[in-house]
C-alpha atoms as a PDB file:
ATOM      1  CA  MET A   1     -84.228 -78.497  76.947  1.00  0.00           C
ATOM      2  CA  ASN A   2     -83.487 -80.559  73.629  1.00  0.00           C
ATOM      3  CA  ASN A   3     -87.011 -82.466  73.660  1.00  0.00           C
ATOM      4  CA  ARG A   4     -89.450 -80.405  75.439  1.00  0.00           C
ATOM      5  CA  LYS A   5     -92.390 -82.572  74.181  1.00  0.00           C
ATOM      6  CA  ALA A   6     -90.685 -85.725  75.804  1.00  0.00           C
ATOM      7  CA  TYR A   7     -90.004 -83.755  78.943  1.00  0.00           C
ATOM      8  CA  LEU A   8     -93.495 -82.645  79.344  1.00  0.00           C
ATOM      9  CA  GLN A   9     -94.728 -86.211  78.618  1.00  0.00           C
ATOM     10  CA  GLN A  10     -92.476 -87.471  81.552  1.00  0.00           C
ATOM     11  CA  LEU A  11     -93.753 -84.837  83.846  1.00  0.00           C
ATOM     12  CA  LEU A  12     -97.401 -85.665  82.930  1.00  0.00           C
ATOM     13  CA  HIS A  13     -97.023 -89.134  83.959  1.00  0.00           C
ATOM     14  CA  SER A  14     -94.814 -88.461  87.103  1.00  0.00           C
ATOM     15  CA  ASP A  15     -96.464 -88.748  90.433  1.00  0.00           C
ATOM     16  CA  ASN A  16     -93.630 -86.405  92.301  1.00  0.00           C
ATOM     17  CA  TRP A  17     -91.966 -83.379  90.667  1.00  0.00           C
ATOM     18  CA  SER A  18     -88.637 -82.011  92.095  1.00  0.00           C
ATOM     19  CA  ALA A  19     -88.600 -78.275  92.957  1.00  0.00           C
ATOM     20  CA  GLU A  20     -86.531 -77.713  89.886  1.00  0.00           C
ATOM     21  CA  GLN A  21     -89.262 -79.387  87.605  1.00  0.00           C
ATOM     22  CA  TRP A  22     -91.853 -77.544  89.344  1.00  0.00           C
ATOM     23  CA  ASN A  23     -90.061 -74.307  88.374  1.00  0.00           C
ATOM     24  CA  TRP A  24     -89.380 -75.380  84.878  1.00  0.00           C
ATOM     25  CA  MET A  25     -92.995 -76.036  84.191  1.00  0.00           C
ATOM     26  CA  LYS A  26     -94.123 -72.738  85.777  1.00  0.00           C
ATOM     27  CA  THR A  27     -91.556 -70.898  83.402  1.00  0.00           C
ATOM     28  CA  TYR A  28     -92.703 -73.132  80.424  1.00  0.00           C
ATOM     29  CA  LEU A  29     -96.253 -72.049  80.985  1.00  0.00           C
ATOM     30  CA  ASP A  30     -95.461 -68.341  81.376  1.00  0.00           C
ATOM     31  CA  GLY A  31     -94.101 -68.577  77.667  1.00  0.00           C
ATOM     32  CA  GLU A  32     -95.913 -67.840  74.401  1.00  0.00           C
ATOM     33  CA  ASP A  33     -95.173 -71.257  72.683  1.00  0.00           C
ATOM     34  CA  LEU A  34     -97.440 -73.927  74.304  1.00  0.00           C
ATOM     35  CA  SER A  35     -97.510 -76.217  71.139  1.00  0.00           C
ATOM     36  CA  GLU A  36     -95.563 -79.030  72.826  1.00  0.00           C
ATOM     37  CA  LEU A  37     -98.187 -79.113  75.802  1.00  0.00           C
ATOM     38  CA  GLN A  38    -100.943 -78.911  73.131  1.00  0.00           C
ATOM     39  CA  ALA A  39     -99.541 -81.931  71.360  1.00  0.00           C
ATOM     40  CA  VAL A  40     -99.068 -83.852  74.623  1.00  0.00           C
ATOM     41  CA  ALA A  41    -102.554 -83.146  75.998  1.00  0.00           C
ATOM     42  CA  ALA A  42    -104.133 -84.156  72.877  1.00  0.00           C
ATOM     43  CA  GLU A  43    -102.108 -87.531  72.675  1.00  0.00           C
ATOM     44  CA  ASP A  44    -102.850 -88.211  76.351  1.00  0.00           C
ATOM     45  CA  PHE A  45    -106.523 -87.766  75.584  1.00  0.00           C
ATOM     46  CA  GLN A  46    -106.071 -90.142  72.708  1.00  0.00           C
ATOM     47  CA  LEU A  47    -107.056 -87.478  70.230  1.00  0.00           C
ATOM     48  CA  GLU A  48    -104.807 -86.383  67.163  1.00  0.00           C
ATOM     49  CA  LEU A  49    -104.988 -82.547  66.674  1.00  0.00           C
ATOM     50  CA  THR A  50    -106.253 -82.886  63.169  1.00  0.00           C
ATOM     51  CA  GLU A  51    -108.749 -85.304  63.980  1.00  0.00           C
ATOM     52  CA  MET A  52    -110.021 -83.168  66.775  1.00  0.00           C
ATOM     53  CA  LYS A  53    -110.221 -80.164  64.353  1.00  0.00           C
ATOM     54  CA  SER A  54    -112.175 -82.082  61.886  1.00  0.00           C
ATOM     55  CA  THR A  55    -114.476 -84.153  63.755  1.00  0.00           C
ATOM     56  CA  LEU A  56    -115.743 -82.208  66.574  1.00  0.00           C
ATOM     57  CA  ASP A  57    -119.645 -82.195  66.715  1.00  0.00           C
ATOM     58  CA  LYS A  58    -121.064 -78.574  66.302  1.00  0.00           C
ATOM     59  CA  GLN A  59    -123.037 -79.038  69.494  1.00  0.00           C
ATOM     60  CA  VAL A  60    -120.211 -80.192  71.503  1.00  0.00           C
ATOM     61  CA  SER A  61    -117.821 -77.370  69.988  1.00  0.00           C
ATOM     62  CA  ALA A  62    -120.505 -74.743  70.853  1.00  0.00           C
ATOM     63  CA  ALA A  63    -120.695 -76.149  74.434  1.00  0.00           C
ATOM     64  CA  MET A  64    -116.959 -75.899  74.780  1.00  0.00           C
ATOM     65  CA  LEU A  65    -116.837 -72.446  73.209  1.00  0.00           C
ATOM     66  CA  ALA A  66    -119.545 -71.421  75.583  1.00  0.00           C
ATOM     67  CA  LYS A  67    -117.495 -72.622  78.802  1.00  0.00           C
ATOM     68  CA  ILE A  68    -114.330 -70.691  77.491  1.00  0.00           C
ATOM     69  CA  HIS A  69    -116.586 -67.247  77.033  1.00  0.00           C
ATOM     70  CA  ARG A  70    -117.853 -67.830  80.550  1.00  0.00           C
ATOM     71  CA  ARG A  71    -114.688 -68.125  81.816  1.00  0.00           C
ATOM     72  CA  ALA A  72    -113.042 -65.087  79.769  1.00  0.00           C
ATOM     73  CA  GLY A  73    -116.076 -63.136  80.531  1.00  0.00           C
ATOM     74  CA  ILE A  74    -117.086 -62.681  76.731  1.00  0.00           C
ATOM     75  CA  THR A  75    -120.542 -61.982  75.753  1.00  0.00           C
ATOM     76  CA  GLU A  76    -122.344 -64.115  73.008  1.00  0.00           C
ATOM     77  CA  ASN A  77    -123.162 -61.105  70.933  1.00  0.00           C
ATOM     78  CA  ARG A  78    -119.722 -59.861  70.656  1.00  0.00           C
ATOM     79  CA  PHE A  79    -118.394 -62.822  68.959  1.00  0.00           C
ATOM     80  CA  ARG A  80    -121.587 -64.271  67.129  1.00  0.00           C
ATOM     81  CA  GLY A  81    -120.590 -65.419  63.607  1.00  0.00           C
ATOM     82  CA  LEU A  82    -117.046 -64.842  64.287  1.00  0.00           C
ATOM     83  CA  PHE A  83    -116.060 -68.421  64.912  1.00  0.00           C
ATOM     84  CA  THR A  84    -116.049 -71.155  62.334  1.00  0.00           C
ATOM     85  CA  LEU A  85    -116.201 -74.754  63.297  1.00  0.00           C
ATOM     86  CA  ARG A  86    -112.402 -74.955  62.819  1.00  0.00           C
ATOM     87  CA  ARG A  87    -111.839 -71.884  65.228  1.00  0.00           C
ATOM     88  CA  ILE A  88    -114.235 -73.398  67.693  1.00  0.00           C
ATOM     89  CA  ALA A  89    -112.286 -76.659  67.589  1.00  0.00           C
ATOM     90  CA  ALA A  90    -109.214 -74.710  68.141  1.00  0.00           C
ATOM     91  CA  ALA A  91    -110.637 -72.805  70.992  1.00  0.00           C
ATOM     92  CA  ALA A  92    -111.675 -76.425  72.701  1.00  0.00           C
ATOM     93  CA  ILE A  93    -107.982 -77.542  72.235  1.00  0.00           C
ATOM     94  CA  GLY A  94    -107.084 -74.484  74.029  1.00  0.00           C
ATOM     95  CA  LEU A  95    -109.461 -75.342  76.907  1.00  0.00           C
ATOM     96  CA  LEU A  96    -108.068 -78.875  76.902  1.00  0.00           C
ATOM     97  CA  VAL A  97    -104.362 -77.426  77.191  1.00  0.00           C
ATOM     98  CA  ILE A  98    -105.646 -75.276  80.026  1.00  0.00           C
ATOM     99  CA  THR A  99    -107.222 -78.006  81.851  1.00  0.00           C
ATOM    100  CA  ALA A 100    -104.500 -80.480  81.475  1.00  0.00           C
ATOM    101  CA  ALA A 101    -101.978 -77.956  82.764  1.00  0.00           C
ATOM    102  CA  ALA A 102    -103.927 -76.971  85.613  1.00  0.00           C
ATOM    103  CA  TYR A 103    -104.521 -80.645  86.422  1.00  0.00           C
ATOM    104  CA  MET A 104    -100.788 -81.145  86.481  1.00  0.00           C
ATOM    105  CA  LEU A 105     -99.916 -78.322  88.595  1.00  0.00           C
ATOM    106  CA  LEU A 106    -102.698 -78.829  91.129  1.00  0.00           C
ATOM    107  CA  ARG A 107    -101.888 -82.492  91.416  1.00  0.00           C
ATOM    108  CA  ASN A 108     -98.235 -81.796  92.163  1.00  0.00           C
ATOM    109  CA  ASN A 109     -99.149 -78.785  94.376  1.00  0.00           C
ATOM    110  CA  ASN A 110    -100.594 -81.359  96.838  1.00  0.00           C
ATOM    111  CA  ASN A 111     -97.153 -82.548  97.494  1.00  0.00           C
ATOM    112  CA  MET A 112     -95.602 -79.083  98.039  1.00  0.00           C
ATOM    113  CA  LEU A 113     -95.492 -76.887 100.948  1.00  0.00           C
ATOM    114  CA  ILE A 114     -95.344 -73.041 100.366  1.00  0.00           C
ATOM    115  CA  VAL A 115     -94.195 -70.214 102.790  1.00  0.00           C
ATOM    116  CA  SER A 116     -94.658 -66.680 102.086  1.00  0.00           C
ATOM    117  CA  ALA A 117     -93.762 -63.355 103.850  1.00  0.00           C
ATOM    118  CA  ASP A 118     -96.584 -61.311 102.790  1.00  0.00           C
ATOM    119  CA  GLN A 119     -96.717 -58.601 105.212  1.00  0.00           C
ATOM    120  CA  GLU A 120     -93.378 -58.499 106.896  1.00  0.00           C
ATOM    121  CA  ARG A 121     -90.190 -60.422 106.793  1.00  0.00           C
ATOM    122  CA  LYS A 122     -90.232 -63.894 108.119  1.00  0.00           C
ATOM    123  CA  THR A 123     -87.640 -66.609 109.409  1.00  0.00           C
ATOM    124  CA  ILE A 124     -88.223 -70.247 109.005  1.00  0.00           C
ATOM    125  CA  THR A 125     -86.254 -73.379 109.624  1.00  0.00           C
ATOM    126  CA  LEU A 126     -86.406 -76.107 106.955  1.00  0.00           C
ATOM    127  CA  PRO A 127     -86.856 -79.983 107.864  1.00  0.00           C
ATOM    128  CA  ASP A 128     -82.971 -80.289 107.277  1.00  0.00           C
ATOM    129  CA  GLY A 129     -82.142 -77.592 109.936  1.00  0.00           C
ATOM    130  CA  SER A 130     -81.245 -74.901 107.306  1.00  0.00           C
ATOM    131  CA  ASP A 131     -82.489 -71.335 108.212  1.00  0.00           C
ATOM    132  CA  VAL A 132     -84.079 -68.992 105.665  1.00  0.00           C
ATOM    133  CA  VAL A 133     -85.061 -65.324 106.202  1.00  0.00           C
ATOM    134  CA  LEU A 134     -87.710 -64.176 103.655  1.00  0.00           C
ATOM    135  CA  GLU A 135     -88.003 -60.642 102.932  1.00  0.00           C
ATOM    136  CA  LYS A 136     -91.402 -59.181 102.503  1.00  0.00           C
ATOM    137  CA  GLY A 137     -93.060 -60.470  99.320  1.00  0.00           C
ATOM    138  CA  ALA A 138     -90.799 -63.368  99.071  1.00  0.00           C
ATOM    139  CA  SER A 139     -91.798 -67.081  98.983  1.00  0.00           C
ATOM    140  CA  ILE A 140     -90.345 -70.594  98.906  1.00  0.00           C
ATOM    141  CA  SER A 141     -91.962 -73.796  97.884  1.00  0.00           C
ATOM    142  CA  TYR A 142     -90.379 -77.257  98.651  1.00  0.00           C
ATOM    143  CA  PRO A 143     -91.657 -80.917  98.743  1.00  0.00           C
ATOM    144  CA  LYS A 144     -93.075 -82.351 101.947  1.00  0.00           C
ATOM    145  CA  ASN A 145     -90.361 -84.923 102.005  1.00  0.00           C
ATOM    146  CA  PHE A 146     -87.779 -82.092 101.679  1.00  0.00           C
ATOM    147  CA  GLY A 147     -84.225 -83.622 103.014  1.00  0.00           C
ATOM    148  CA  ALA A 148     -85.229 -87.260 102.908  1.00  0.00           C
ATOM    149  CA  GLN A 149     -83.314 -87.719  99.597  1.00  0.00           C
ATOM    150  CA  THR A 150     -82.895 -84.199  98.012  1.00  0.00           C
ATOM    151  CA  ARG A 151     -82.989 -80.577  99.383  1.00  0.00           C
ATOM    152  CA  GLU A 152     -84.529 -78.667  96.578  1.00  0.00           C
ATOM    153  CA  LEU A 153     -86.667 -75.593  96.703  1.00  0.00           C
ATOM    154  CA  THR A 154     -87.921 -72.714  94.515  1.00  0.00           C
ATOM    155  CA  LEU A 155     -87.520 -69.068  95.303  1.00  0.00           C
ATOM    156  CA  LYS A 156     -89.321 -65.993  94.358  1.00  0.00           C
ATOM    157  CA  GLY A 157     -88.413 -62.621  95.779  1.00  0.00           C
ATOM    158  CA  GLU A 158     -85.512 -62.180  97.970  1.00  0.00           C
ATOM    159  CA  ALA A 159     -84.077 -64.448 100.822  1.00  0.00           C
ATOM    160  CA  TYR A 160     -81.167 -65.031 103.129  1.00  0.00           C
ATOM    161  CA  PHE A 161     -79.925 -68.779 103.396  1.00  0.00           C
ATOM    162  CA  ASN A 162     -77.818 -70.329 106.335  1.00  0.00           C
ATOM    163  CA  VAL A 163     -77.579 -73.787 104.905  1.00  0.00           C
ATOM    164  CA  LYS A 164     -76.713 -76.764 106.962  1.00  0.00           C
ATOM    165  CA  ASN A 165     -73.740 -78.607 105.715  1.00  0.00           C
ATOM    166  CA  GLU A 166     -75.106 -82.059 104.499  1.00  0.00           C
ATOM    167  CA  ALA A 167     -72.491 -83.877 102.286  1.00  0.00           C
ATOM    168  CA  LYS A 168     -74.852 -86.559 100.751  1.00  0.00           C
ATOM    169  CA  ALA A 169     -77.578 -84.156  99.765  1.00  0.00           C
ATOM    170  CA  ALA A 170     -76.768 -80.952  98.009  1.00  0.00           C
ATOM    171  CA  PHE A 171     -79.064 -78.000  98.687  1.00  0.00           C
ATOM    172  CA  THR A 172     -80.331 -76.490  95.262  1.00  0.00           C
ATOM    173  CA  ILE A 173     -82.376 -73.528  94.910  1.00  0.00           C
ATOM    174  CA  SER A 174     -84.304 -72.791  91.687  1.00  0.00           C
ATOM    175  CA  SER A 175     -85.799 -69.551  90.361  1.00  0.00           C
ATOM    176  CA  LYS A 176     -86.933 -67.823  87.262  1.00  0.00           C
ATOM    177  CA  TYR A 177     -83.321 -66.436  86.514  1.00  0.00           C
ATOM    178  CA  LEU A 178     -80.794 -68.546  88.509  1.00  0.00           C
ATOM    179  CA  LYS A 179     -80.217 -71.982  89.775  1.00  0.00           C
ATOM    180  CA  THR A 180     -77.916 -72.182  92.927  1.00  0.00           C
ATOM    181  CA  THR A 181     -76.300 -75.350  94.600  1.00  0.00           C
ATOM    182  CA  VAL A 182     -74.492 -75.353  97.697  1.00  0.00           C
ATOM    183  CA  LEU A 183     -73.449 -77.998 100.378  1.00  0.00           C
ATOM    184  CA  GLY A 184     -73.245 -75.613 103.554  1.00  0.00           C
ATOM    185  CA  THR A 185     -72.858 -71.971 103.482  1.00  0.00           C
ATOM    186  CA  SER A 186     -74.722 -68.514 103.957  1.00  0.00           C
ATOM    187  CA  PHE A 187     -75.602 -66.310 101.327  1.00  0.00           C
ATOM    188  CA  ASN A 188     -78.177 -63.976  99.956  1.00  0.00           C
ATOM    189  CA  MET A 189     -80.334 -64.372  96.677  1.00  0.00           C
ATOM    190  CA  ASP A 190     -82.378 -61.793  95.298  1.00  0.00           C
ATOM    191  CA  VAL A 191     -84.366 -62.942  92.287  1.00  0.00           C
ATOM    192  CA  ARG A 192     -87.137 -60.491  92.276  1.00  0.00           C
ATOM    193  CA  ASP A 193     -88.512 -59.465  88.654  1.00  0.00           C
ATOM    194  CA  ASN A 194     -85.758 -56.500  88.470  1.00  0.00           C
ATOM    195  CA  GLU A 195     -83.342 -55.437  85.773  1.00  0.00           C
ATOM    196  CA  GLU A 196     -80.523 -56.993  87.944  1.00  0.00           C
ATOM    197  CA  VAL A 197     -80.659 -60.174  90.171  1.00  0.00           C
ATOM    198  CA  LYS A 198     -78.027 -61.041  92.634  1.00  0.00           C
ATOM    199  CA  VAL A 199     -76.271 -63.534  94.692  1.00  0.00           C
ATOM    200  CA  VAL A 200     -73.865 -62.669  97.484  1.00  0.00           C
ATOM    201  CA  VAL A 201     -71.929 -65.161  99.286  1.00  0.00           C
ATOM    202  CA  ILE A 202     -71.173 -64.514 103.196  1.00  0.00           C
ATOM    203  CA  SER A 203     -69.342 -67.831 103.827  1.00  0.00           C
ATOM    204  CA  GLY A 204     -68.567 -71.014 102.195  1.00  0.00           C
ATOM    205  CA  LYS A 205     -69.008 -71.840  98.463  1.00  0.00           C
ATOM    206  CA  VAL A 206     -71.961 -71.723  95.990  1.00  0.00           C
ATOM    207  CA  GLN A 207     -72.397 -72.828  92.476  1.00  0.00           C
ATOM    208  CA  VAL A 208     -74.601 -70.617  90.424  1.00  0.00           C
ATOM    209  CA  ASP A 209     -76.060 -71.481  86.950  1.00  0.00           C
ATOM    210  CA  PRO A 210     -77.680 -68.457  85.262  1.00  0.00           C
ATOM    211  CA  HIS A 211     -80.425 -69.219  82.785  1.00  0.00           C
ATOM    212  CA  ASN A 212     -82.835 -66.464  83.010  1.00  0.00           C
ATOM    213  CA  GLY A 213     -86.035 -68.720  82.517  1.00  0.00           C
ATOM    214  CA  LYS A 214     -84.320 -69.965  79.228  1.00  0.00           C
ATOM    215  CA  LYS A 215     -81.347 -72.148  78.661  1.00  0.00           C
ATOM    216  CA  ALA A 216     -78.647 -72.480  81.256  1.00  0.00           C
ATOM    217  CA  ALA A 217     -75.308 -70.772  80.888  1.00  0.00           C
ATOM    218  CA  GLU A 218     -72.673 -72.561  78.960  1.00  0.00           C
ATOM    219  CA  LYS A 219     -70.504 -72.644  82.375  1.00  0.00           C
ATOM    220  CA  ALA A 220     -71.641 -72.500  85.983  1.00  0.00           C
ATOM    221  CA  VAL A 221     -69.899 -69.878  88.271  1.00  0.00           C
ATOM    222  CA  VAL A 222     -68.468 -70.705  91.493  1.00  0.00           C
ATOM    223  CA  LEU A 223     -68.685 -67.996  94.309  1.00  0.00           C
ATOM    224  CA  THR A 224     -66.750 -67.870  97.505  1.00  0.00           C
ATOM    225  CA  ALA A 225     -67.127 -65.632 100.549  1.00  0.00           C
ATOM    226  CA  ASN A 226     -67.552 -62.081  99.631  1.00  0.00           C
ATOM    227  CA  ASN A 227     -68.137 -62.773  95.959  1.00  0.00           C
ATOM    228  CA  GLU A 228     -71.286 -61.257  94.249  1.00  0.00           C
ATOM    229  CA  LEU A 229     -72.784 -62.455  90.808  1.00  0.00           C
ATOM    230  CA  VAL A 230     -75.089 -59.707  89.231  1.00  0.00           C
ATOM    231  CA  LEU A 231     -77.230 -60.928  86.220  1.00  0.00           C
ATOM    232  CA  ASN A 232     -78.776 -58.281  83.967  1.00  0.00           C
ATOM    233  CA  THR A 233     -82.091 -59.769  83.071  1.00  0.00           C
ATOM    234  CA  LYS A 234     -82.476 -57.606  80.134  1.00  0.00           C
ATOM    235  CA  THR A 235     -79.000 -58.158  78.337  1.00  0.00           C
ATOM    236  CA  ASN A 236     -78.168 -61.756  80.170  1.00  0.00           C
ATOM    237  CA  ASP A 237     -74.826 -60.258  80.940  1.00  0.00           C
ATOM    238  CA  ILE A 238     -73.046 -61.531  84.065  1.00  0.00           C
ATOM    239  CA  GLN A 239     -70.886 -59.424  86.261  1.00  0.00           C
ATOM    240  CA  LEU A 240     -68.592 -60.918  89.082  1.00  0.00           C
ATOM    241  CA  ILE A 241     -67.901 -58.041  91.613  1.00  0.00           C
ATOM    242  CA  ASP A 242     -66.317 -57.481  95.124  1.00  0.00           C
ATOM    243  CA  GLY A 243     -69.365 -58.398  97.337  1.00  0.00           C
ATOM    244  CA  THR A 244     -67.677 -57.446 100.693  1.00  0.00           C
ATOM    245  CA  ASP A 245     -69.877 -54.567 101.743  1.00  0.00           C
ATOM    246  CA  ASP A 246     -73.018 -56.376 100.513  1.00  0.00           C
ATOM    247  CA  ALA A 247     -72.229 -59.485 102.426  1.00  0.00           C
ATOM    248  CA  ARG A 248     -71.775 -57.212 105.596  1.00  0.00           C
ATOM    249  CA  PHE A 249     -75.097 -55.746 104.898  1.00  0.00           C
ATOM    250  CA  TYR A 250     -76.944 -58.936 104.124  1.00  0.00           C
ATOM    251  CA  ALA A 251     -75.423 -60.792 107.196  1.00  0.00           C
ATOM    252  CA  GLN A 252     -76.675 -58.222 109.299  1.00  0.00           C
ATOM    253  CA  LYS A 253     -79.932 -57.590 107.907  1.00  0.00           C
ATOM    254  CA  SER A 254     -80.732 -61.460 108.403  1.00  0.00           C
ATOM    255  CA  THR A 255     -80.545 -60.900 112.133  1.00  0.00           C
ATOM    256  CA  GLY A 256     -82.847 -58.029 112.218  1.00  0.00           C
ATOM    257  CA  VAL A 257     -80.335 -55.696 113.549  1.00  0.00           C
ATOM    258  CA  LEU A 258     -77.794 -53.481 111.993  1.00  0.00           C
ATOM    259  CA  ASN A 259     -74.789 -53.168 114.156  1.00  0.00           C
ATOM    260  CA  TYR A 260     -72.416 -50.230 113.398  1.00  0.00           C
ATOM    261  CA  LYS A 261     -69.094 -49.779 115.057  1.00  0.00           C
ATOM    262  CA  GLY A 262     -67.768 -46.545 113.230  1.00  0.00           C
ATOM    263  CA  GLU A 263     -68.927 -46.987 109.785  1.00  0.00           C
ATOM    264  CA  SER A 264     -69.575 -43.633 107.972  1.00  0.00           C
ATOM    265  CA  VAL A 265     -72.888 -42.006 108.195  1.00  0.00           C
ATOM    266  CA  ALA A 266     -73.229 -42.335 104.426  1.00  0.00           C
ATOM    267  CA  THR A 267     -72.824 -46.151 104.783  1.00  0.00           C
ATOM    268  CA  VAL A 268     -75.650 -46.152 107.364  1.00  0.00           C
ATOM    269  CA  LEU A 269     -77.890 -44.071 105.060  1.00  0.00           C
ATOM    270  CA  HIS A 270     -77.377 -46.264 102.082  1.00  0.00           C
ATOM    271  CA  ASP A 271     -78.289 -49.215 104.115  1.00  0.00           C
ATOM    272  CA  LEU A 272     -81.316 -47.794 105.255  1.00  0.00           C
ATOM    273  CA  GLU A 273     -82.277 -46.778 101.591  1.00  0.00           C
ATOM    274  CA  ARG A 274     -81.971 -50.344 100.670  1.00  0.00           C
ATOM    275  CA  ILE A 275     -84.252 -51.538 103.423  1.00  0.00           C
ATOM    276  CA  TYR A 276     -86.735 -48.867 103.119  1.00  0.00           C
ATOM    277  CA  ASN A 277     -86.629 -48.163  99.556  1.00  0.00           C
ATOM    278  CA  VAL A 278     -86.565 -44.426 100.096  1.00  0.00           C
ATOM    279  CA  PRO A 279     -83.618 -41.833  98.814  1.00  0.00           C
ATOM    280  CA  ILE A 280     -81.886 -40.371 101.988  1.00  0.00           C
ATOM    281  CA  GLN A 281     -79.018 -37.911 101.753  1.00  0.00           C
ATOM    282  CA  ALA A 282     -76.774 -36.036 104.260  1.00  0.00           C
ATOM    283  CA  ASP A 283     -75.344 -32.608 103.184  1.00  0.00           C
ATOM    284  CA  LYS A 284     -72.467 -32.460 105.911  1.00  0.00           C
ATOM    285  CA  ILE A 285     -72.150 -35.363 108.117  1.00  0.00           C
ATOM    286  CA  GLY A 286     -71.816 -38.148 105.427  1.00  0.00           C
ATOM    287  CA  ASN A 287     -68.154 -38.707 106.383  1.00  0.00           C
ATOM    288  CA  CYS A 288     -68.814 -38.960 110.083  1.00  0.00           C
ATOM    289  CA  SER A 289     -68.885 -42.165 112.086  1.00  0.00           C
ATOM    290  CA  PHE A 290     -71.721 -43.740 113.761  1.00  0.00           C
ATOM    291  CA  MET A 291     -71.857 -46.298 116.444  1.00  0.00           C
ATOM    292  CA  PHE A 292     -75.233 -47.514 117.243  1.00  0.00           C
ATOM    293  CA  LYS A 293     -77.553 -50.504 116.643  1.00  0.00           C
ATOM    294  CA  LEU A 294     -80.666 -50.218 114.625  1.00  0.00           C
ATOM    295  CA  ASP A 295     -83.504 -52.464 114.436  1.00  0.00           C
ATOM    296  CA  VAL A 296     -84.734 -53.214 110.788  1.00  0.00           C
ATOM    297  CA  LYS A 297     -88.443 -53.338 112.034  1.00  0.00           C
ATOM    298  CA  ASP A 298     -88.546 -49.811 113.482  1.00  0.00           C
ATOM    299  CA  ASP A 299     -89.933 -46.869 111.591  1.00  0.00           C
ATOM    300  CA  LEU A 300     -87.595 -45.089 109.270  1.00  0.00           C
ATOM    301  CA  LEU A 301     -88.292 -41.701 110.933  1.00  0.00           C
ATOM    302  CA  LYS A 302     -87.013 -43.296 114.380  1.00  0.00           C
ATOM    303  CA  GLN A 303     -83.715 -44.390 112.683  1.00  0.00           C
ATOM    304  CA  LEU A 304     -83.118 -41.079 110.932  1.00  0.00           C
ATOM    305  CA  ASP A 305     -83.901 -39.226 114.200  1.00  0.00           C
ATOM    306  CA  LEU A 306     -81.156 -41.130 116.207  1.00  0.00           C
ATOM    307  CA  ILE A 307     -78.724 -40.495 113.405  1.00  0.00           C
ATOM    308  CA  ALA A 308     -79.534 -36.672 113.325  1.00  0.00           C
ATOM    309  CA  LYS A 309     -79.406 -36.203 117.110  1.00  0.00           C
ATOM    310  CA  ALA A 310     -76.055 -37.871 117.600  1.00  0.00           C
ATOM    311  CA  HIS A 311     -74.611 -35.244 115.100  1.00  0.00           C
ATOM    312  CA  PHE A 312     -76.576 -32.342 115.929  1.00  0.00           C
ATOM    313  CA  ALA A 313     -78.290 -32.338 112.727  1.00  0.00           C
ATOM    314  CA  LYS A 314     -82.113 -31.986 111.427  1.00  0.00           C
ATOM    315  CA  ILE A 315     -84.193 -34.187 109.299  1.00  0.00           C
ATOM    316  CA  VAL A 316     -86.020 -32.541 106.277  1.00  0.00           C
ATOM    317  CA  GLU A 317     -88.586 -34.486 104.331  1.00  0.00           C
ATOM    318  CA  LEU A 318     -88.271 -33.575 100.598  1.00  0.00           C
ATOM    319  CA  ASP A 319     -91.134 -32.404  98.486  1.00  0.00           C
ATOM    320  CA  ASN A 320     -93.317 -34.843  96.539  1.00  0.00           C
ATOM    321  CA  GLY A 321     -92.262 -37.979  98.455  1.00  0.00           C
ATOM    322  CA  LYS A 322     -88.818 -37.814  97.081  1.00  0.00           C
ATOM    323  CA  GLY A 323     -87.002 -38.867 100.303  1.00  0.00           C
ATOM    324  CA  PHE A 324     -85.140 -37.348 103.387  1.00  0.00           C
ATOM    325  CA  MET A 325     -82.415 -35.050 103.612  1.00  0.00           C
ATOM    326  CA  ILE A 326     -80.349 -34.653 106.982  1.00  0.00           C
ATOM    327  CA  THR A 327     -78.927 -31.177 106.974  1.00  0.00           C
ATOM    328  CA  GLY A 328     -76.178 -29.368 109.071  1.00  0.00           C
ATOM    329  CA  GLY A 329     -74.782 -31.196 112.107  1.00  0.00           C
ATOM    330  CA  THR A 330     -71.065 -31.879 113.041  1.00  0.00           C
ATOM    331  CA  CYS A 331     -68.891 -34.924 113.537  1.00  0.00           C
ATOM    332  CA  GLU A 332     -67.635 -33.793 116.855  1.00  0.00           C
END
């Protein structure tokens, strides 16, 4: 953003924010430098920062400081004599910034709908007919008039999208790390706060703009079916890899049923590891084929029992909660 102060001023006086603007503001507020917002807030209240610091009445400043202390849980004795008038005024400016930011966010939040999958995965249909499968802990937010003129939303966590084709309105997903734009396609987007975030395309075509909460990449990346983009959030390095197996996995997981038609037991166990976040190994039957349907809502031990019985093997739980081992067995 070339002029963040001007952009903040524009948002402050705008009645409706797009999902991308909403996400930009949340990312900005997560940063350490809020000087532009501080300046905008002061100007909006018709106060210059220097004037505020030099003219605040002692009684007014003390009252503001007391309010800050109450919000922060700070006792009076702990900071008695520590703050000069200038420091008190600076603290008051900080309160002003927080108040202004909260006002903007709360005001615009009234125009937003938020859907969360707090306890279990959730499937929703958006106003435009597109389907979204939210994994546990994920959430999306979008304007109440979604689809009227634009189709923009913000994602936290992991979700699978089956986007309805609408040539006149691109479908845009903003997140802390990536911005993804599509017309009509199905893909999985995992933007949890991990070292790696991913976009895997199952069908159609998407455009991905990696930005990692900062500036956008010099060039957007276009992905087609079975392509996968991996962004390292620590180094900002981008990898484009073959996503065929991941596309298979995400497409099936979105339906809630994993349908195996001769895949190896090692592939099945790897899929279960990703769903249940538990290490699983097999010492002898990894190369054996497996033909069965597994419901992703079922208990992990139930899934492992089906695999073990099909190959005359046993399940052993490893010490210290380090996962499971399927021992013995045969492919016959």
